[in-house]
Amino acid sequence: MRDLEAIHAALALAKSPVSVHGARNEPLPGGMTFLLEVAAGESQAVEEACRATGRSSETVRSAASFFVEQVLVSQGCESYRTLGADSSAPSAQLRRHMAFLLKWSHPDLIAGARAGKGIDRSVFANRVTQAWEQLKTEERRTTYDRAAAIQSDAKPRAHRPSKTAPHKATKSRRQRSGHHRRRSLVMYPLLREGLLARFLRLVRGLRK
């Protein structure tokens, strides 16, 4: 029996496109091969998806296509994800997925493409080809995996102030605070002397 997880995920995403961002950050669902077959217009896969979901062929194909566009081949996706797989996928699966994706991006598959009304998916075909070129051999996969690991380790981490060196802003506040205290100490005796002088003048005036 076919794994329908990816098909159901695609239908849910098509119903609620605002959840695209979350879908791009989640692991790919099971049954990606089946979804790519549907997106590529494989007649048997489309019929199975229709029977299993109770949806029309147009609905399931449109949902599968939207999932591919938004979750697999959107700009910035890493190569395994672009091919609808993860780093544990065998090369044969990557090759098969690549073939379905190139068929999906072919102009003849898109309704209205010959009349100039279809969607230009050439940019997606280029991304699929580039991803396959990076992973097509074991040597290239090893190189790609090493580069990805280095890039992951090199991501900037949150900066924490040094415990041994006080922050400049903190030091500045301390300086300002000290200056304020010194000014208060200087002004206080002057203020006290002024009040005393006024008091003595008042007393002298009463005695006269």
N, C-alpha and C. Protein backbone atom coordinates (compact mmCIF):
# COMPACT_ATOMS: atom_id res chain seq x y z
N MET A 1 0.85 -1.20 0.00
CA MET A 1 0.00 0.00 0.00
C MET A 1 0.88 1.25 0.00
N ARG A 2 0.46 2.26 -0.72
CA ARG A 2 1.22 3.50 -0.84
C ARG A 2 1.23 4.29 0.48
N ASP A 3 2.34 4.95 0.74
CA ASP A 3 2.43 5.85 1.89
C ASP A 3 1.80 7.18 1.48
N LEU A 4 0.71 7.55 2.13
CA LEU A 4 -0.05 8.74 1.76
C LEU A 4 0.30 9.97 2.60
N GLU A 5 1.29 9.88 3.45
CA GLU A 5 1.58 11.00 4.35
C GLU A 5 1.90 12.28 3.58
N ALA A 6 2.74 12.17 2.55
CA ALA A 6 3.12 13.35 1.78
C ALA A 6 1.93 13.92 1.01
N ILE A 7 1.08 13.04 0.46
CA ILE A 7 -0.10 13.50 -0.27
C ILE A 7 -1.04 14.27 0.66
N HIS A 8 -1.28 13.73 1.85
CA HIS A 8 -2.15 14.43 2.81
C HIS A 8 -1.51 15.75 3.24
N ALA A 9 -0.20 15.76 3.40
CA ALA A 9 0.49 17.00 3.77
C ALA A 9 0.34 18.04 2.66
N ALA A 10 0.43 17.59 1.43
CA ALA A 10 0.28 18.51 0.29
C ALA A 10 -1.12 19.08 0.21
N LEU A 11 -2.14 18.24 0.43
CA LEU A 11 -3.52 18.71 0.41
C LEU A 11 -3.77 19.72 1.53
N ALA A 12 -3.20 19.45 2.70
CA ALA A 12 -3.36 20.37 3.83
C ALA A 12 -2.67 21.71 3.55
N LEU A 13 -1.49 21.64 2.92
CA LEU A 13 -0.76 22.86 2.60
C LEU A 13 -1.50 23.69 1.55
N ALA A 14 -2.06 23.02 0.57
CA ALA A 14 -2.82 23.73 -0.46
C ALA A 14 -4.06 24.40 0.13
N LYS A 15 -4.63 23.79 1.16
CA LYS A 15 -5.80 24.36 1.81
C LYS A 15 -5.43 25.52 2.71
N SER A 16 -4.22 25.49 3.26
CA SER A 16 -3.76 26.55 4.16
C SER A 16 -2.35 27.00 3.76
N PRO A 17 -2.23 27.80 2.71
CA PRO A 17 -0.91 28.21 2.21
C PRO A 17 -0.09 29.01 3.21
N VAL A 18 -0.74 29.59 4.22
CA VAL A 18 0.00 30.39 5.19
C VAL A 18 0.97 29.54 6.02
N SER A 19 0.78 28.22 5.98
CA SER A 19 1.65 27.34 6.76
C SER A 19 2.89 26.90 5.97
N VAL A 20 3.15 27.56 4.84
CA VAL A 20 4.30 27.19 4.01
C VAL A 20 5.60 27.32 4.78
N HIS A 21 5.76 28.43 5.50
CA HIS A 21 7.03 28.66 6.21
C HIS A 21 7.32 27.52 7.19
N GLY A 22 6.30 27.09 7.92
CA GLY A 22 6.50 25.99 8.85
C GLY A 22 6.85 24.70 8.14
N ALA A 23 6.21 24.44 6.99
CA ALA A 23 6.48 23.22 6.24
C ALA A 23 7.91 23.18 5.72
N ARG A 24 8.47 24.34 5.39
CA ARG A 24 9.84 24.39 4.89
C ARG A 24 10.86 24.05 5.96
N ASN A 25 10.49 24.22 7.22
CA ASN A 25 11.42 23.96 8.32
C ASN A 25 11.21 22.61 8.98
N GLU A 26 10.24 21.86 8.51
CA GLU A 26 9.96 20.54 9.09
C GLU A 26 10.60 19.45 8.23
N PRO A 27 10.88 18.29 8.84
CA PRO A 27 11.37 17.15 8.04
C PRO A 27 10.35 16.76 6.99
N LEU A 28 10.81 16.23 5.88
CA LEU A 28 9.88 15.82 4.82
C LEU A 28 9.04 14.64 5.29
N PRO A 29 7.77 14.62 4.91
CA PRO A 29 6.90 13.50 5.30
C PRO A 29 7.25 12.23 4.52
N GLY A 30 6.71 11.12 4.98
CA GLY A 30 6.90 9.88 4.25
C GLY A 30 6.11 9.88 2.96
N GLY A 31 6.50 9.02 2.03
CA GLY A 31 5.77 8.90 0.77
C GLY A 31 6.12 9.97 -0.24
N MET A 32 7.34 10.51 -0.18
CA MET A 32 7.72 11.57 -1.11
C MET A 32 7.80 11.05 -2.55
N THR A 33 8.20 9.80 -2.73
CA THR A 33 8.26 9.25 -4.09
C THR A 33 6.87 9.24 -4.73
N PHE A 34 5.88 8.83 -3.96
CA PHE A 34 4.50 8.82 -4.45
C PHE A 34 4.05 10.23 -4.81
N LEU A 35 4.35 11.19 -3.96
CA LEU A 35 3.94 12.58 -4.24
C LEU A 35 4.59 13.09 -5.52
N LEU A 36 5.88 12.75 -5.72
CA LEU A 36 6.56 13.22 -6.93
C LEU A 36 5.99 12.55 -8.18
N GLU A 37 5.57 11.32 -8.05
CA GLU A 37 4.92 10.65 -9.18
C GLU A 37 3.63 11.37 -9.55
N VAL A 38 2.86 11.75 -8.54
CA VAL A 38 1.61 12.48 -8.78
C VAL A 38 1.91 13.83 -9.40
N ALA A 39 2.88 14.55 -8.86
CA ALA A 39 3.23 15.86 -9.41
C ALA A 39 3.70 15.76 -10.85
N ALA A 40 4.39 14.68 -11.17
CA ALA A 40 4.90 14.49 -12.52
C ALA A 40 3.83 14.00 -13.49
N GLY A 41 2.63 13.71 -12.98
CA GLY A 41 1.53 13.30 -13.86
C GLY A 41 1.54 11.83 -14.21
N GLU A 42 2.19 10.98 -13.42
CA GLU A 42 2.15 9.55 -13.66
C GLU A 42 0.70 9.06 -13.45
N SER A 43 0.10 8.55 -14.52
CA SER A 43 -1.34 8.25 -14.51
C SER A 43 -1.74 7.28 -13.41
N GLN A 44 -0.98 6.21 -13.21
CA GLN A 44 -1.34 5.23 -12.20
C GLN A 44 -1.27 5.84 -10.80
N ALA A 45 -0.23 6.63 -10.54
CA ALA A 45 -0.09 7.27 -9.23
C ALA A 45 -1.23 8.26 -8.99
N VAL A 46 -1.60 9.01 -10.01
CA VAL A 46 -2.70 9.98 -9.87
C VAL A 46 -3.99 9.26 -9.55
N GLU A 47 -4.26 8.16 -10.24
CA GLU A 47 -5.48 7.40 -10.00
C GLU A 47 -5.51 6.85 -8.57
N GLU A 48 -4.38 6.33 -8.11
CA GLU A 48 -4.31 5.80 -6.74
C GLU A 48 -4.55 6.91 -5.72
N ALA A 49 -3.96 8.08 -5.96
CA ALA A 49 -4.13 9.20 -5.03
C ALA A 49 -5.58 9.66 -4.99
N CYS A 50 -6.23 9.64 -6.14
CA CYS A 50 -7.65 10.03 -6.20
C CYS A 50 -8.52 9.06 -5.42
N ARG A 51 -8.28 7.77 -5.61
CA ARG A 51 -9.07 6.76 -4.90
C ARG A 51 -8.84 6.84 -3.40
N ALA A 52 -7.59 7.06 -3.00
CA ALA A 52 -7.26 7.06 -1.57
C ALA A 52 -7.76 8.30 -0.85
N THR A 53 -7.84 9.42 -1.54
CA THR A 53 -8.23 10.67 -0.89
C THR A 53 -9.65 11.12 -1.22
N GLY A 54 -10.21 10.56 -2.27
CA GLY A 54 -11.54 10.99 -2.67
C GLY A 54 -11.54 12.34 -3.35
N ARG A 55 -10.39 12.80 -3.80
CA ARG A 55 -10.28 14.09 -4.48
C ARG A 55 -10.11 13.88 -5.98
N SER A 56 -10.36 14.93 -6.73
CA SER A 56 -10.22 14.85 -8.18
C SER A 56 -8.75 14.84 -8.57
N SER A 57 -8.49 14.40 -9.80
CA SER A 57 -7.11 14.36 -10.28
C SER A 57 -6.51 15.76 -10.33
N GLU A 58 -7.31 16.73 -10.71
CA GLU A 58 -6.82 18.11 -10.76
C GLU A 58 -6.41 18.60 -9.37
N THR A 59 -7.20 18.23 -8.36
CA THR A 59 -6.91 18.67 -6.99
C THR A 59 -5.62 18.06 -6.46
N VAL A 60 -5.47 16.75 -6.64
CA VAL A 60 -4.28 16.09 -6.08
C VAL A 60 -3.02 16.51 -6.83
N ARG A 61 -3.11 16.68 -8.13
CA ARG A 61 -1.94 17.10 -8.90
C ARG A 61 -1.55 18.54 -8.57
N SER A 62 -2.55 19.39 -8.43
CA SER A 62 -2.28 20.79 -8.08
C SER A 62 -1.65 20.88 -6.69
N ALA A 63 -2.16 20.10 -5.74
CA ALA A 63 -1.62 20.12 -4.38
C ALA A 63 -0.19 19.59 -4.35
N ALA A 64 0.05 18.51 -5.08
CA ALA A 64 1.41 17.94 -5.13
C ALA A 64 2.38 18.93 -5.76
N SER A 65 1.94 19.60 -6.81
CA SER A 65 2.79 20.58 -7.49
C SER A 65 3.10 21.76 -6.58
N PHE A 66 2.10 22.22 -5.85
CA PHE A 66 2.31 23.34 -4.92
C PHE A 66 3.30 22.95 -3.83
N PHE A 67 3.19 21.73 -3.33
CA PHE A 67 4.12 21.26 -2.30
C PHE A 67 5.55 21.24 -2.84
N VAL A 68 5.71 20.75 -4.06
CA VAL A 68 7.05 20.70 -4.67
C VAL A 68 7.62 22.11 -4.81
N GLU A 69 6.83 23.02 -5.32
CA GLU A 69 7.29 24.40 -5.53
C GLU A 69 7.70 25.08 -4.23
N GLN A 70 6.89 24.90 -3.19
CA GLN A 70 7.08 25.66 -1.97
C GLN A 70 8.02 25.00 -0.96
N VAL A 71 8.09 23.69 -0.96
CA VAL A 71 8.83 22.98 0.09
C VAL A 71 10.12 22.35 -0.41
N LEU A 72 10.17 21.99 -1.69
CA LEU A 72 11.35 21.30 -2.21
C LEU A 72 12.28 22.20 -3.00
N VAL A 73 11.74 22.92 -3.96
CA VAL A 73 12.60 23.65 -4.89
C VAL A 73 12.57 25.17 -4.68
N SER A 74 12.09 25.62 -3.53
CA SER A 74 12.14 27.05 -3.24
C SER A 74 13.60 27.46 -3.04
N GLN A 75 13.87 28.72 -3.24
CA GLN A 75 15.24 29.21 -3.17
C GLN A 75 15.83 29.00 -1.78
N GLY A 76 17.05 28.48 -1.73
CA GLY A 76 17.74 28.28 -0.46
C GLY A 76 17.64 26.87 0.09
N CYS A 77 16.83 26.01 -0.52
CA CYS A 77 16.73 24.63 -0.03
C CYS A 77 18.02 23.87 -0.31
N GLU A 78 18.41 23.02 0.63
CA GLU A 78 19.63 22.24 0.40
C GLU A 78 19.34 21.12 -0.60
N SER A 79 20.37 20.54 -1.15
CA SER A 79 20.24 19.66 -2.31
C SER A 79 19.42 18.40 -2.05
N TYR A 80 19.59 17.78 -0.89
CA TYR A 80 18.81 16.58 -0.60
C TYR A 80 17.32 16.91 -0.58
N ARG A 81 16.98 18.01 0.06
CA ARG A 81 15.57 18.39 0.15
C ARG A 81 15.02 18.73 -1.22
N THR A 82 15.82 19.39 -2.06
CA THR A 82 15.37 19.71 -3.41
C THR A 82 14.99 18.45 -4.18
N LEU A 83 15.68 17.36 -3.91
CA LEU A 83 15.37 16.10 -4.56
C LEU A 83 14.36 15.27 -3.78
N GLY A 84 13.73 15.88 -2.79
CA GLY A 84 12.66 15.21 -2.06
C GLY A 84 13.14 14.08 -1.18
N ALA A 85 14.32 14.22 -0.59
CA ALA A 85 14.88 13.15 0.22
C ALA A 85 15.74 13.75 1.33
N ASP A 86 16.38 12.86 2.10
CA ASP A 86 17.34 13.32 3.11
C ASP A 86 18.67 12.64 2.84
N SER A 87 19.64 12.90 3.71
CA SER A 87 21.01 12.43 3.46
C SER A 87 21.15 10.91 3.54
N SER A 88 20.14 10.22 4.06
CA SER A 88 20.22 8.75 4.15
C SER A 88 19.67 8.06 2.90
N ALA A 89 19.13 8.81 1.97
CA ALA A 89 18.51 8.22 0.78
C ALA A 89 19.56 7.58 -0.12
N PRO A 90 19.28 6.40 -0.67
CA PRO A 90 20.22 5.77 -1.61
C PRO A 90 20.27 6.55 -2.92
N SER A 91 21.35 6.39 -3.64
CA SER A 91 21.53 7.12 -4.90
C SER A 91 20.43 6.82 -5.91
N ALA A 92 19.95 5.56 -5.94
CA ALA A 92 18.90 5.19 -6.88
C ALA A 92 17.63 6.00 -6.63
N GLN A 93 17.32 6.25 -5.35
CA GLN A 93 16.14 7.05 -5.03
C GLN A 93 16.32 8.50 -5.45
N LEU A 94 17.50 9.04 -5.23
CA LEU A 94 17.77 10.41 -5.65
C LEU A 94 17.64 10.56 -7.16
N ARG A 95 18.16 9.57 -7.87
CA ARG A 95 18.06 9.61 -9.34
C ARG A 95 16.60 9.55 -9.79
N ARG A 96 15.83 8.68 -9.17
CA ARG A 96 14.43 8.54 -9.55
C ARG A 96 13.65 9.82 -9.27
N HIS A 97 13.90 10.41 -8.10
CA HIS A 97 13.23 11.66 -7.76
C HIS A 97 13.62 12.78 -8.72
N MET A 98 14.90 12.81 -9.09
CA MET A 98 15.36 13.81 -10.05
C MET A 98 14.60 13.68 -11.36
N ALA A 99 14.40 12.46 -11.82
CA ALA A 99 13.68 12.24 -13.09
C ALA A 99 12.23 12.72 -13.00
N PHE A 100 11.55 12.43 -11.87
CA PHE A 100 10.17 12.90 -11.71
C PHE A 100 10.10 14.42 -11.66
N LEU A 101 11.06 15.04 -10.99
CA LEU A 101 11.06 16.50 -10.87
C LEU A 101 11.32 17.17 -12.21
N LEU A 102 12.20 16.60 -13.01
CA LEU A 102 12.45 17.17 -14.33
C LEU A 102 11.24 17.00 -15.24
N LYS A 103 10.55 15.89 -15.09
CA LYS A 103 9.32 15.71 -15.86
C LYS A 103 8.26 16.70 -15.41
N TRP A 104 8.16 16.91 -14.09
CA TRP A 104 7.20 17.88 -13.54
C TRP A 104 7.47 19.29 -14.06
N SER A 105 8.74 19.64 -14.23
CA SER A 105 9.10 20.99 -14.67
C SER A 105 9.08 21.16 -16.18
N HIS A 106 8.81 20.08 -16.92
CA HIS A 106 8.80 20.16 -18.39
C HIS A 106 7.58 20.94 -18.87
N PRO A 107 7.75 21.85 -19.81
CA PRO A 107 6.64 22.70 -20.28
C PRO A 107 5.44 21.92 -20.81
N ASP A 108 5.68 20.75 -21.41
CA ASP A 108 4.57 20.00 -22.00
C ASP A 108 3.60 19.47 -20.94
N LEU A 109 4.06 19.40 -19.68
CA LEU A 109 3.21 18.88 -18.62
C LEU A 109 2.28 19.96 -18.07
N ILE A 110 2.60 21.22 -18.33
CA ILE A 110 1.87 22.33 -17.73
C ILE A 110 0.74 22.78 -18.64
N ALA A 111 -0.46 22.79 -18.13
CA ALA A 111 -1.61 23.19 -18.93
C ALA A 111 -1.45 24.62 -19.41
N GLY A 112 -1.63 24.83 -20.71
CA GLY A 112 -1.55 26.17 -21.26
C GLY A 112 -0.15 26.63 -21.57
N ALA A 113 0.85 25.80 -21.35
CA ALA A 113 2.23 26.23 -21.57
C ALA A 113 2.49 26.54 -23.03
N ARG A 114 1.93 25.73 -23.93
CA ARG A 114 2.18 25.96 -25.36
C ARG A 114 1.54 27.25 -25.84
N ALA A 115 0.48 27.67 -25.16
CA ALA A 115 -0.19 28.91 -25.55
C ALA A 115 0.43 30.12 -24.85
N GLY A 116 1.49 29.87 -24.11
CA GLY A 116 2.16 30.96 -23.41
C GLY A 116 1.49 31.37 -22.12
N LYS A 117 0.56 30.52 -21.62
CA LYS A 117 -0.17 30.86 -20.40
C LYS A 117 0.30 30.05 -19.20
N GLY A 118 1.21 29.13 -19.40
CA GLY A 118 1.65 28.28 -18.31
C GLY A 118 2.68 28.95 -17.43
N ILE A 119 3.04 28.27 -16.33
CA ILE A 119 4.03 28.77 -15.39
C ILE A 119 5.42 28.38 -15.88
N ASP A 120 6.33 29.31 -15.86
CA ASP A 120 7.69 29.02 -16.26
C ASP A 120 8.42 28.35 -15.11
N ARG A 121 8.67 27.06 -15.23
CA ARG A 121 9.34 26.31 -14.18
C ARG A 121 10.80 26.03 -14.52
N SER A 122 11.33 26.75 -15.49
CA SER A 122 12.71 26.49 -15.89
C SER A 122 13.68 26.74 -14.74
N VAL A 123 13.38 27.72 -13.91
CA VAL A 123 14.25 28.00 -12.77
C VAL A 123 14.26 26.81 -11.81
N PHE A 124 13.11 26.13 -11.66
CA PHE A 124 13.05 24.96 -10.80
C PHE A 124 13.85 23.80 -11.40
N ALA A 125 13.76 23.65 -12.73
CA ALA A 125 14.52 22.59 -13.39
C ALA A 125 16.02 22.81 -13.17
N ASN A 126 16.46 24.05 -13.21
CA ASN A 126 17.88 24.35 -12.98
C ASN A 126 18.30 23.98 -11.57
N ARG A 127 17.44 24.26 -10.59
CA ARG A 127 17.77 23.92 -9.20
C ARG A 127 17.83 22.42 -9.00
N VAL A 128 16.92 21.70 -9.65
CA VAL A 128 16.94 20.23 -9.55
C VAL A 128 18.22 19.68 -10.17
N THR A 129 18.59 20.19 -11.33
CA THR A 129 19.81 19.73 -12.01
C THR A 129 21.04 20.01 -11.17
N GLN A 130 21.11 21.20 -10.58
CA GLN A 130 22.26 21.55 -9.74
C GLN A 130 22.34 20.65 -8.52
N ALA A 131 21.18 20.37 -7.91
CA ALA A 131 21.18 19.48 -6.74
C ALA A 131 21.66 18.09 -7.11
N TRP A 132 21.21 17.59 -8.25
CA TRP A 132 21.64 16.26 -8.69
C TRP A 132 23.13 16.24 -8.99
N GLU A 133 23.66 17.29 -9.58
CA GLU A 133 25.09 17.34 -9.89
C GLU A 133 25.93 17.29 -8.61
N GLN A 134 25.41 17.83 -7.53
CA GLN A 134 26.16 17.83 -6.28
C GLN A 134 26.11 16.48 -5.58
N LEU A 135 25.13 15.64 -5.93
CA LEU A 135 24.92 14.38 -5.19
C LEU A 135 24.96 13.14 -6.08
N LYS A 136 25.30 13.26 -7.34
CA LYS A 136 25.16 12.15 -8.29
C LYS A 136 26.15 11.02 -8.06
N THR A 137 27.28 11.28 -7.41
CA THR A 137 28.26 10.22 -7.13
C THR A 137 28.57 10.21 -5.64
N GLU A 138 29.13 9.09 -5.18
CA GLU A 138 29.48 8.98 -3.77
C GLU A 138 30.52 10.01 -3.38
N GLU A 139 31.47 10.27 -4.27
CA GLU A 139 32.51 11.25 -3.98
C GLU A 139 31.91 12.64 -3.81
N ARG A 140 30.99 13.00 -4.69
CA ARG A 140 30.37 14.32 -4.60
C ARG A 140 29.48 14.43 -3.37
N ARG A 141 28.81 13.34 -3.03
CA ARG A 141 27.98 13.35 -1.82
C ARG A 141 28.84 13.55 -0.59
N THR A 142 29.98 12.88 -0.55
CA THR A 142 30.88 13.02 0.59
C THR A 142 31.37 14.46 0.71
N THR A 143 31.76 15.04 -0.43
CA THR A 143 32.22 16.43 -0.42
C THR A 143 31.11 17.37 0.03
N TYR A 144 29.90 17.14 -0.47
CA TYR A 144 28.75 17.99 -0.11
C TYR A 144 28.44 17.86 1.38
N ASP A 145 28.44 16.63 1.89
CA ASP A 145 28.13 16.41 3.30
C ASP A 145 29.16 17.07 4.20
N ARG A 146 30.43 17.00 3.83
CA ARG A 146 31.48 17.63 4.64
C ARG A 146 31.31 19.15 4.65
N ALA A 147 31.04 19.71 3.48
CA ALA A 147 30.85 21.17 3.38
C ALA A 147 29.64 21.61 4.21
N ALA A 148 28.57 20.80 4.17
CA ALA A 148 27.37 21.13 4.94
C ALA A 148 27.65 21.07 6.44
N ALA A 149 28.45 20.10 6.86
CA ALA A 149 28.79 19.98 8.28
C ALA A 149 29.63 21.16 8.74
N ILE A 150 30.59 21.57 7.91
CA ILE A 150 31.44 22.72 8.25
C ILE A 150 30.60 23.99 8.34
N GLN A 151 29.70 24.15 7.39
CA GLN A 151 28.84 25.33 7.38
C GLN A 151 27.95 25.37 8.61
N SER A 152 27.47 24.21 9.03
CA SER A 152 26.62 24.14 10.21
C SER A 152 27.40 24.52 11.46
N ASP A 153 28.67 24.05 11.56
CA ASP A 153 29.49 24.37 12.73
C ASP A 153 29.91 25.83 12.75
N ALA A 154 29.96 26.45 11.57
CA ALA A 154 30.44 27.83 11.47
C ALA A 154 29.35 28.86 11.67
N LYS A 155 28.12 28.44 11.93
CA LYS A 155 27.03 29.40 12.13
C LYS A 155 27.32 30.25 13.35
N PRO A 156 27.11 31.57 13.26
CA PRO A 156 27.42 32.47 14.39
C PRO A 156 26.54 32.15 15.59
N ARG A 157 27.16 32.22 16.75
CA ARG A 157 26.43 31.99 17.99
C ARG A 157 26.16 33.33 18.68
N ALA A 158 25.22 33.30 19.60
CA ALA A 158 24.85 34.53 20.30
C ALA A 158 26.04 35.04 21.10
N HIS A 159 26.33 36.34 20.99
CA HIS A 159 27.47 36.93 21.69
C HIS A 159 27.14 37.15 23.15
N ARG A 160 28.06 36.75 24.01
CA ARG A 160 27.90 36.96 25.43
C ARG A 160 29.00 37.87 25.93
N PRO A 161 28.68 38.91 26.74
CA PRO A 161 29.71 39.81 27.25
C PRO A 161 30.71 39.07 28.12
N SER A 162 31.97 39.45 28.04
CA SER A 162 33.03 38.82 28.82
C SER A 162 32.85 39.15 30.29
N LYS A 163 33.08 38.14 31.14
CA LYS A 163 32.97 38.36 32.57
C LYS A 163 34.16 39.13 33.12
N THR A 164 35.30 39.06 32.46
CA THR A 164 36.51 39.72 32.95
C THR A 164 36.58 41.18 32.55
N ALA A 165 35.95 41.54 31.44
CA ALA A 165 36.00 42.92 30.95
C ALA A 165 34.62 43.53 31.03
N PRO A 166 34.43 44.55 31.87
CA PRO A 166 33.10 45.17 31.97
C PRO A 166 32.71 45.83 30.68
N HIS A 167 31.43 45.85 30.41
CA HIS A 167 30.91 46.46 29.20
C HIS A 167 31.13 47.96 29.25
N LYS A 168 31.40 48.55 28.08
CA LYS A 168 31.68 49.97 28.03
C LYS A 168 30.52 50.80 28.56
N ALA A 169 29.30 50.37 28.21
CA ALA A 169 28.14 51.12 28.66
C ALA A 169 28.02 51.08 30.17
N THR A 170 28.34 49.88 30.77
CA THR A 170 28.29 49.76 32.22
C THR A 170 29.32 50.66 32.87
N LYS A 171 30.54 50.69 32.30
CA LYS A 171 31.59 51.52 32.84
C LYS A 171 31.22 52.99 32.75
N SER A 172 30.60 53.36 31.65
CA SER A 172 30.20 54.74 31.46
C SER A 172 29.16 55.15 32.49
N ARG A 173 28.24 54.24 32.78
CA ARG A 173 27.23 54.55 33.79
C ARG A 173 27.86 54.72 35.15
N ARG A 174 28.84 53.89 35.44
CA ARG A 174 29.53 54.02 36.73
C ARG A 174 30.26 55.35 36.84
N GLN A 175 30.92 55.77 35.74
CA GLN A 175 31.62 57.03 35.74
C GLN A 175 30.66 58.19 35.96
N ARG A 176 29.52 58.14 35.26
CA ARG A 176 28.54 59.20 35.41
C ARG A 176 27.99 59.24 36.83
N SER A 177 27.78 58.06 37.42
CA SER A 177 27.26 57.98 38.78
C SER A 177 28.25 58.57 39.77
N GLY A 178 29.55 58.22 39.60
CA GLY A 178 30.57 58.77 40.49
C GLY A 178 30.68 60.27 40.38
N HIS A 179 30.61 60.77 39.16
CA HIS A 179 30.67 62.22 38.95
C HIS A 179 29.51 62.92 39.63
N HIS A 180 28.33 62.29 39.56
CA HIS A 180 27.15 62.88 40.19
C HIS A 180 27.31 62.94 41.70
N ARG A 181 27.90 61.89 42.31
CA ARG A 181 28.09 61.88 43.75
C ARG A 181 29.07 62.96 44.18
N ARG A 182 30.18 63.11 43.39
CA ARG A 182 31.17 64.13 43.74
C ARG A 182 30.55 65.52 43.66
N ARG A 183 29.74 65.77 42.67
CA ARG A 183 29.10 67.07 42.52
C ARG A 183 28.14 67.32 43.67
N SER A 184 27.44 66.28 44.14
CA SER A 184 26.52 66.43 45.25
C SER A 184 27.26 66.78 46.53
N LEU A 185 28.43 66.10 46.73
CA LEU A 185 29.21 66.37 47.94
C LEU A 185 29.73 67.81 47.96
N VAL A 186 30.02 68.33 46.80
CA VAL A 186 30.53 69.71 46.73
C VAL A 186 29.40 70.71 46.97
N MET A 187 28.25 70.44 46.39
CA MET A 187 27.15 71.38 46.47
C MET A 187 26.49 71.38 47.84
N TYR A 188 26.51 70.24 48.51
CA TYR A 188 25.79 70.16 49.78
C TYR A 188 26.31 71.11 50.83
N PRO A 189 27.67 71.20 51.09
CA PRO A 189 28.16 72.17 52.09
C PRO A 189 27.79 73.59 51.71
N LEU A 190 27.88 73.95 50.43
CA LEU A 190 27.54 75.30 50.01
C LEU A 190 26.09 75.61 50.28
N LEU A 191 25.24 74.61 50.01
CA LEU A 191 23.83 74.80 50.26
C LEU A 191 23.56 74.95 51.74
N ARG A 192 24.25 74.11 52.56
CA ARG A 192 24.04 74.18 54.01
C ARG A 192 24.52 75.53 54.55
N GLU A 193 25.65 76.04 54.05
CA GLU A 193 26.20 77.32 54.49
C GLU A 193 25.25 78.46 54.13
N GLY A 194 24.65 78.38 52.97
CA GLY A 194 23.71 79.42 52.56
C GLY A 194 22.50 79.48 53.47
N LEU A 195 21.97 78.37 53.87
CA LEU A 195 20.82 78.34 54.77
C LEU A 195 21.19 78.87 56.15
N LEU A 196 22.39 78.54 56.64
CA LEU A 196 22.83 79.02 57.95
C LEU A 196 22.99 80.53 57.96
N ALA A 197 23.55 81.07 56.88
CA ALA A 197 23.73 82.51 56.80
C ALA A 197 22.39 83.23 56.80
N ARG A 198 21.42 82.66 56.07
CA ARG A 198 20.10 83.27 56.06
C ARG A 198 19.46 83.25 57.46
N PHE A 199 19.65 82.12 58.17
CA PHE A 199 19.09 81.99 59.51
C PHE A 199 19.67 83.01 60.47
N LEU A 200 21.01 83.23 60.41
CA LEU A 200 21.67 84.20 61.28
C LEU A 200 21.21 85.61 60.97
N ARG A 201 21.04 85.92 59.69
CA ARG A 201 20.57 87.25 59.35
C ARG A 201 19.15 87.48 59.86
N LEU A 202 18.32 86.42 59.84
CA LEU A 202 16.96 86.53 60.34
C LEU A 202 16.95 86.79 61.83
N VAL A 203 17.80 86.06 62.57
CA VAL A 203 17.86 86.24 64.03
C VAL A 203 18.33 87.64 64.38
N ARG A 204 19.37 88.11 63.70
CA ARG A 204 19.88 89.46 63.95
C ARG A 204 18.80 90.52 63.69
N GLY A 205 18.00 90.32 62.68
CA GLY A 205 16.96 91.28 62.33
C GLY A 205 15.89 91.33 63.40
N LEU A 206 15.60 90.16 64.05
CA LEU A 206 14.59 90.16 65.10
C LEU A 206 15.08 90.87 66.34
N ARG A 207 16.41 90.79 66.61
CA ARG A 207 16.95 91.42 67.80
C ARG A 207 16.95 92.94 67.69
N LYS A 208 16.98 93.50 66.52
CA LYS A 208 17.03 94.95 66.36
C LYS A 208 15.66 95.57 66.68
